Amino acid sequence: MGRAFELTRADLVEHLRWLQREIGYQYCRFHGVFHDDMAVAVRTANGTLTFQWHQVDKVYDTLLSLGLRPFVELNPMPAALASGSQTMFHWKMNVTPPRSYDEWSALVAAFTRHIVE
């Protein structure tokens, strides 16, 4: 596939719908579920870390509505958790480790709980 955020675009979803009708496949893998354009991890002005699932829900609900099961890939490091600013690719995927592994663990745990629910 591509990046998670691309799955919020109606034109791309229509292409996936067409492919699903024509080919019919079961799984979809994509990158960037924690990229900043997905707005998952946000640090407030007072430094509190919060998690938002609006874009994630759109992506996963879309895939499920098309009969696709997602392969879950947990990347990249959100800027709110990153220990640095090193990126790769034109879409600037942050590849630094987390500043705090406790916060990273909290994100992964919250994401997992949310997706299961």
N, C-alpha and C. Protein backbone atom coordinates (compact mmCIF):
# COMPACT_ATOMS: atom_id res chain seq x y z
N MET A 1 0.85 -1.15 0.00
CA MET A 1 0.00 0.00 0.00
C MET A 1 0.90 1.22 0.00
N GLY A 2 0.81 2.06 0.94
CA GLY A 2 1.60 3.28 1.04
C GLY A 2 1.61 3.71 2.49
N ARG A 3 1.22 4.96 2.70
CA ARG A 3 1.16 5.49 4.06
C ARG A 3 -0.27 5.50 4.57
N ALA A 4 -0.40 5.40 5.88
CA ALA A 4 -1.72 5.37 6.51
C ALA A 4 -2.55 6.58 6.11
N PHE A 5 -1.96 7.77 6.12
CA PHE A 5 -2.72 8.97 5.84
C PHE A 5 -3.35 8.94 4.45
N GLU A 6 -2.71 8.27 3.50
CA GLU A 6 -3.26 8.18 2.15
C GLU A 6 -4.60 7.44 2.15
N LEU A 7 -4.82 6.58 3.14
CA LEU A 7 -6.08 5.85 3.23
C LEU A 7 -7.23 6.72 3.74
N THR A 8 -6.97 7.99 4.00
CA THR A 8 -8.05 8.92 4.35
C THR A 8 -8.56 9.64 3.09
N ARG A 9 -7.92 9.40 1.95
CA ARG A 9 -8.30 10.05 0.69
C ARG A 9 -9.38 9.24 -0.02
N ALA A 10 -10.45 9.88 -0.40
CA ALA A 10 -11.57 9.21 -1.06
C ALA A 10 -11.15 8.56 -2.38
N ASP A 11 -10.30 9.23 -3.17
CA ASP A 11 -9.89 8.67 -4.45
C ASP A 11 -9.11 7.37 -4.28
N LEU A 12 -8.24 7.34 -3.30
CA LEU A 12 -7.46 6.13 -3.06
C LEU A 12 -8.35 5.00 -2.54
N VAL A 13 -9.30 5.32 -1.70
CA VAL A 13 -10.23 4.31 -1.19
C VAL A 13 -11.06 3.73 -2.34
N GLU A 14 -11.45 4.58 -3.29
CA GLU A 14 -12.19 4.07 -4.45
C GLU A 14 -11.33 3.12 -5.28
N HIS A 15 -10.05 3.43 -5.41
CA HIS A 15 -9.14 2.52 -6.12
C HIS A 15 -9.04 1.19 -5.38
N LEU A 16 -8.93 1.24 -4.08
CA LEU A 16 -8.88 0.01 -3.29
C LEU A 16 -10.18 -0.78 -3.44
N ARG A 17 -11.30 -0.09 -3.44
CA ARG A 17 -12.60 -0.75 -3.60
C ARG A 17 -12.64 -1.49 -4.95
N TRP A 18 -12.18 -0.81 -6.00
CA TRP A 18 -12.14 -1.42 -7.32
C TRP A 18 -11.23 -2.64 -7.33
N LEU A 19 -10.02 -2.48 -6.76
CA LEU A 19 -9.09 -3.62 -6.70
C LEU A 19 -9.69 -4.79 -5.94
N GLN A 20 -10.36 -4.49 -4.88
CA GLN A 20 -10.96 -5.55 -4.06
C GLN A 20 -12.03 -6.29 -4.88
N ARG A 21 -12.82 -5.57 -5.68
CA ARG A 21 -13.82 -6.23 -6.53
C ARG A 21 -13.15 -7.07 -7.62
N GLU A 22 -12.09 -6.52 -8.22
CA GLU A 22 -11.44 -7.18 -9.35
C GLU A 22 -10.53 -8.34 -8.95
N ILE A 23 -9.80 -8.15 -7.87
CA ILE A 23 -8.78 -9.14 -7.47
C ILE A 23 -9.20 -9.89 -6.22
N GLY A 24 -9.71 -9.15 -5.25
CA GLY A 24 -10.12 -9.76 -4.00
C GLY A 24 -8.95 -10.31 -3.20
N TYR A 25 -8.38 -9.51 -2.40
CA TYR A 25 -7.29 -9.97 -1.54
C TYR A 25 -7.68 -9.76 -0.09
N GLN A 26 -6.93 -10.38 0.83
CA GLN A 26 -7.35 -10.41 2.23
C GLN A 26 -6.65 -9.40 3.13
N TYR A 27 -5.40 -9.06 2.82
CA TYR A 27 -4.59 -8.28 3.75
C TYR A 27 -4.05 -7.01 3.11
N CYS A 28 -3.78 -6.03 3.95
CA CYS A 28 -3.19 -4.78 3.49
C CYS A 28 -2.15 -4.32 4.51
N ARG A 29 -0.98 -3.99 4.03
CA ARG A 29 0.08 -3.46 4.89
C ARG A 29 0.39 -2.04 4.44
N PHE A 30 0.57 -1.16 5.40
CA PHE A 30 0.89 0.24 5.09
C PHE A 30 1.81 0.77 6.17
N HIS A 31 2.42 1.90 5.90
CA HIS A 31 3.36 2.54 6.81
C HIS A 31 2.74 3.78 7.43
N GLY A 32 3.34 4.23 8.51
CA GLY A 32 3.08 5.57 9.01
C GLY A 32 1.86 5.78 9.89
N VAL A 33 1.39 4.74 10.56
CA VAL A 33 0.21 4.94 11.41
C VAL A 33 0.49 5.94 12.54
N PHE A 34 1.76 6.07 12.96
CA PHE A 34 2.10 7.03 14.01
C PHE A 34 2.77 8.30 13.45
N HIS A 35 2.73 8.48 12.13
CA HIS A 35 3.31 9.69 11.54
C HIS A 35 2.52 10.91 12.03
N ASP A 36 3.18 12.04 12.10
CA ASP A 36 2.52 13.23 12.62
C ASP A 36 1.31 13.66 11.81
N ASP A 37 1.24 13.32 10.52
CA ASP A 37 0.05 13.68 9.76
C ASP A 37 -1.18 12.90 10.21
N MET A 38 -0.99 11.83 10.99
CA MET A 38 -2.11 11.07 11.56
C MET A 38 -2.55 11.66 12.90
N ALA A 39 -1.76 12.56 13.47
CA ALA A 39 -2.11 13.27 14.71
C ALA A 39 -2.48 12.33 15.86
N VAL A 40 -1.70 11.26 16.03
CA VAL A 40 -1.98 10.27 17.08
C VAL A 40 -1.44 10.72 18.42
N ALA A 41 -0.18 11.09 18.47
CA ALA A 41 0.45 11.49 19.73
C ALA A 41 0.65 13.01 19.73
N VAL A 42 0.05 13.65 20.71
CA VAL A 42 0.10 15.11 20.80
C VAL A 42 0.51 15.50 22.22
N ARG A 43 1.44 16.42 22.30
CA ARG A 43 1.84 16.94 23.61
C ARG A 43 1.20 18.31 23.79
N THR A 44 0.45 18.47 24.87
CA THR A 44 -0.24 19.73 25.13
C THR A 44 0.75 20.79 25.59
N ALA A 45 0.29 22.01 25.71
CA ALA A 45 1.14 23.13 26.12
C ALA A 45 1.77 22.90 27.49
N ASN A 46 1.09 22.17 28.37
CA ASN A 46 1.66 21.91 29.70
C ASN A 46 2.53 20.65 29.74
N GLY A 47 2.74 20.02 28.56
CA GLY A 47 3.63 18.87 28.48
C GLY A 47 2.95 17.52 28.60
N THR A 48 1.65 17.50 28.81
CA THR A 48 0.93 16.24 28.92
C THR A 48 0.83 15.56 27.55
N LEU A 49 1.09 14.27 27.53
CA LEU A 49 0.99 13.50 26.31
C LEU A 49 -0.43 12.95 26.18
N THR A 50 -1.04 13.19 25.03
CA THR A 50 -2.39 12.67 24.79
C THR A 50 -2.38 11.89 23.48
N PHE A 51 -3.34 10.98 23.35
CA PHE A 51 -3.47 10.19 22.14
C PHE A 51 -4.83 10.44 21.52
N GLN A 52 -4.85 10.57 20.19
CA GLN A 52 -6.07 10.84 19.43
C GLN A 52 -6.21 9.75 18.37
N TRP A 53 -7.41 9.25 18.19
CA TRP A 53 -7.61 8.09 17.32
C TRP A 53 -8.48 8.38 16.10
N HIS A 54 -8.86 9.62 15.87
CA HIS A 54 -9.77 9.94 14.77
C HIS A 54 -9.26 9.43 13.42
N GLN A 55 -8.04 9.78 13.06
CA GLN A 55 -7.48 9.36 11.76
C GLN A 55 -7.26 7.85 11.73
N VAL A 56 -6.79 7.29 12.82
CA VAL A 56 -6.58 5.84 12.90
C VAL A 56 -7.91 5.12 12.66
N ASP A 57 -8.97 5.59 13.29
CA ASP A 57 -10.28 4.97 13.11
C ASP A 57 -10.72 5.03 11.65
N LYS A 58 -10.50 6.16 11.00
CA LYS A 58 -10.87 6.29 9.59
C LYS A 58 -10.14 5.25 8.75
N VAL A 59 -8.86 5.09 8.98
CA VAL A 59 -8.05 4.16 8.20
C VAL A 59 -8.50 2.71 8.44
N TYR A 60 -8.55 2.30 9.69
CA TYR A 60 -8.89 0.91 9.99
C TYR A 60 -10.34 0.60 9.64
N ASP A 61 -11.26 1.51 9.89
CA ASP A 61 -12.66 1.29 9.53
C ASP A 61 -12.80 1.14 8.01
N THR A 62 -12.07 1.94 7.26
CA THR A 62 -12.10 1.84 5.80
C THR A 62 -11.63 0.47 5.34
N LEU A 63 -10.49 0.03 5.86
CA LEU A 63 -9.98 -1.28 5.45
C LEU A 63 -10.96 -2.39 5.79
N LEU A 64 -11.50 -2.36 6.98
CA LEU A 64 -12.44 -3.40 7.39
C LEU A 64 -13.70 -3.37 6.52
N SER A 65 -14.16 -2.17 6.16
CA SER A 65 -15.35 -2.07 5.31
C SER A 65 -15.11 -2.65 3.93
N LEU A 66 -13.86 -2.69 3.50
CA LEU A 66 -13.50 -3.26 2.20
C LEU A 66 -13.18 -4.75 2.30
N GLY A 67 -13.30 -5.29 3.50
CA GLY A 67 -13.00 -6.71 3.69
C GLY A 67 -11.52 -6.99 3.77
N LEU A 68 -10.73 -5.99 4.10
CA LEU A 68 -9.28 -6.14 4.20
C LEU A 68 -8.85 -6.19 5.66
N ARG A 69 -7.97 -7.11 5.97
CA ARG A 69 -7.41 -7.20 7.31
C ARG A 69 -6.03 -6.54 7.29
N PRO A 70 -5.81 -5.59 8.17
CA PRO A 70 -4.52 -4.88 8.15
C PRO A 70 -3.40 -5.66 8.83
N PHE A 71 -2.22 -5.61 8.22
CA PHE A 71 -1.00 -5.99 8.92
C PHE A 71 -0.60 -4.75 9.71
N VAL A 72 -0.41 -4.88 11.00
CA VAL A 72 -0.12 -3.72 11.83
C VAL A 72 1.38 -3.48 11.86
N GLU A 73 1.76 -2.27 11.53
CA GLU A 73 3.15 -1.83 11.53
C GLU A 73 3.22 -0.58 12.39
N LEU A 74 4.00 -0.60 13.44
CA LEU A 74 4.04 0.51 14.39
C LEU A 74 5.21 1.44 14.09
N ASN A 75 4.96 2.41 13.25
CA ASN A 75 5.97 3.39 12.90
C ASN A 75 5.28 4.60 12.29
N PRO A 76 5.99 5.69 12.15
CA PRO A 76 7.30 6.03 12.66
C PRO A 76 7.19 6.58 14.08
N MET A 77 8.27 7.14 14.57
CA MET A 77 8.23 7.74 15.90
C MET A 77 7.55 9.11 15.81
N PRO A 78 6.45 9.31 16.53
CA PRO A 78 5.82 10.64 16.52
C PRO A 78 6.76 11.69 17.11
N ALA A 79 6.72 12.89 16.58
CA ALA A 79 7.60 13.96 17.07
C ALA A 79 7.43 14.19 18.56
N ALA A 80 6.22 14.03 19.06
CA ALA A 80 5.96 14.25 20.49
C ALA A 80 6.71 13.26 21.38
N LEU A 81 7.14 12.14 20.84
CA LEU A 81 7.86 11.12 21.62
C LEU A 81 9.31 10.96 21.20
N ALA A 82 9.69 11.56 20.08
CA ALA A 82 11.01 11.31 19.47
C ALA A 82 12.16 11.91 20.28
N SER A 83 13.29 11.22 20.20
CA SER A 83 14.50 11.71 20.85
C SER A 83 15.31 12.62 19.93
N GLY A 84 14.93 12.71 18.69
CA GLY A 84 15.65 13.54 17.73
C GLY A 84 14.79 13.84 16.53
N SER A 85 15.42 14.36 15.48
CA SER A 85 14.66 14.78 14.30
C SER A 85 15.13 14.09 13.02
N GLN A 86 15.93 13.05 13.12
CA GLN A 86 16.41 12.36 11.93
C GLN A 86 15.24 11.67 11.22
N THR A 87 15.13 11.93 9.91
CA THR A 87 14.05 11.34 9.12
C THR A 87 14.60 10.63 7.90
N MET A 88 13.73 9.88 7.26
CA MET A 88 14.05 9.28 5.97
C MET A 88 12.82 9.37 5.08
N PHE A 89 13.01 9.18 3.80
CA PHE A 89 11.98 9.27 2.78
C PHE A 89 11.50 10.72 2.61
N HIS A 90 10.85 10.96 1.51
CA HIS A 90 10.37 12.31 1.21
C HIS A 90 9.27 12.75 2.18
N TRP A 91 8.60 11.80 2.83
CA TRP A 91 7.51 12.15 3.75
C TRP A 91 7.98 12.28 5.19
N LYS A 92 9.30 12.27 5.38
CA LYS A 92 9.94 12.59 6.65
C LYS A 92 9.50 11.69 7.80
N MET A 93 9.74 10.38 7.60
CA MET A 93 9.47 9.39 8.65
C MET A 93 10.56 9.50 9.71
N ASN A 94 10.19 9.87 10.93
CA ASN A 94 11.15 10.01 12.03
C ASN A 94 11.65 8.62 12.41
N VAL A 95 12.97 8.46 12.40
CA VAL A 95 13.57 7.14 12.67
C VAL A 95 14.37 7.13 13.98
N THR A 96 14.18 8.13 14.81
CA THR A 96 14.91 8.15 16.08
C THR A 96 14.17 7.32 17.12
N PRO A 97 14.89 6.82 18.11
CA PRO A 97 14.21 6.07 19.19
C PRO A 97 13.38 7.03 20.05
N PRO A 98 12.52 6.47 20.86
CA PRO A 98 11.72 7.34 21.73
C PRO A 98 12.58 8.04 22.78
N ARG A 99 12.18 9.22 23.16
CA ARG A 99 12.83 9.94 24.25
C ARG A 99 12.59 9.20 25.56
N SER A 100 11.41 8.62 25.69
CA SER A 100 11.03 7.86 26.88
C SER A 100 10.37 6.56 26.45
N TYR A 101 10.97 5.44 26.84
CA TYR A 101 10.37 4.15 26.51
C TYR A 101 9.07 3.93 27.27
N ASP A 102 8.89 4.58 28.40
CA ASP A 102 7.62 4.50 29.13
C ASP A 102 6.50 5.14 28.30
N GLU A 103 6.79 6.29 27.69
CA GLU A 103 5.78 6.94 26.85
C GLU A 103 5.51 6.11 25.59
N TRP A 104 6.55 5.56 24.99
CA TRP A 104 6.38 4.70 23.82
C TRP A 104 5.50 3.50 24.19
N SER A 105 5.78 2.89 25.32
CA SER A 105 4.99 1.76 25.79
C SER A 105 3.53 2.17 26.00
N ALA A 106 3.31 3.35 26.56
CA ALA A 106 1.95 3.84 26.78
C ALA A 106 1.22 4.02 25.45
N LEU A 107 1.91 4.54 24.43
CA LEU A 107 1.31 4.71 23.11
C LEU A 107 0.93 3.35 22.51
N VAL A 108 1.86 2.42 22.52
CA VAL A 108 1.60 1.11 21.92
C VAL A 108 0.46 0.40 22.66
N ALA A 109 0.46 0.47 23.98
CA ALA A 109 -0.59 -0.16 24.77
C ALA A 109 -1.95 0.48 24.48
N ALA A 110 -1.99 1.82 24.44
CA ALA A 110 -3.25 2.52 24.18
C ALA A 110 -3.75 2.23 22.76
N PHE A 111 -2.84 2.20 21.80
CA PHE A 111 -3.19 1.89 20.42
C PHE A 111 -3.78 0.48 20.33
N THR A 112 -3.12 -0.47 20.96
CA THR A 112 -3.58 -1.86 20.94
C THR A 112 -4.97 -1.99 21.55
N ARG A 113 -5.15 -1.37 22.73
CA ARG A 113 -6.47 -1.41 23.36
C ARG A 113 -7.54 -0.80 22.46
N HIS A 114 -7.20 0.35 21.86
CA HIS A 114 -8.16 1.04 21.01
C HIS A 114 -8.54 0.19 19.79
N ILE A 115 -7.57 -0.38 19.13
CA ILE A 115 -7.84 -1.18 17.94
C ILE A 115 -8.67 -2.42 18.28
N VAL A 116 -8.35 -3.05 19.39
CA VAL A 116 -9.11 -4.24 19.79
C VAL A 116 -10.56 -3.89 20.09
N GLU A 117 -10.75 -2.75 20.76
CA GLU A 117 -12.13 -2.31 21.07
C GLU A 117 -12.88 -2.01 19.80
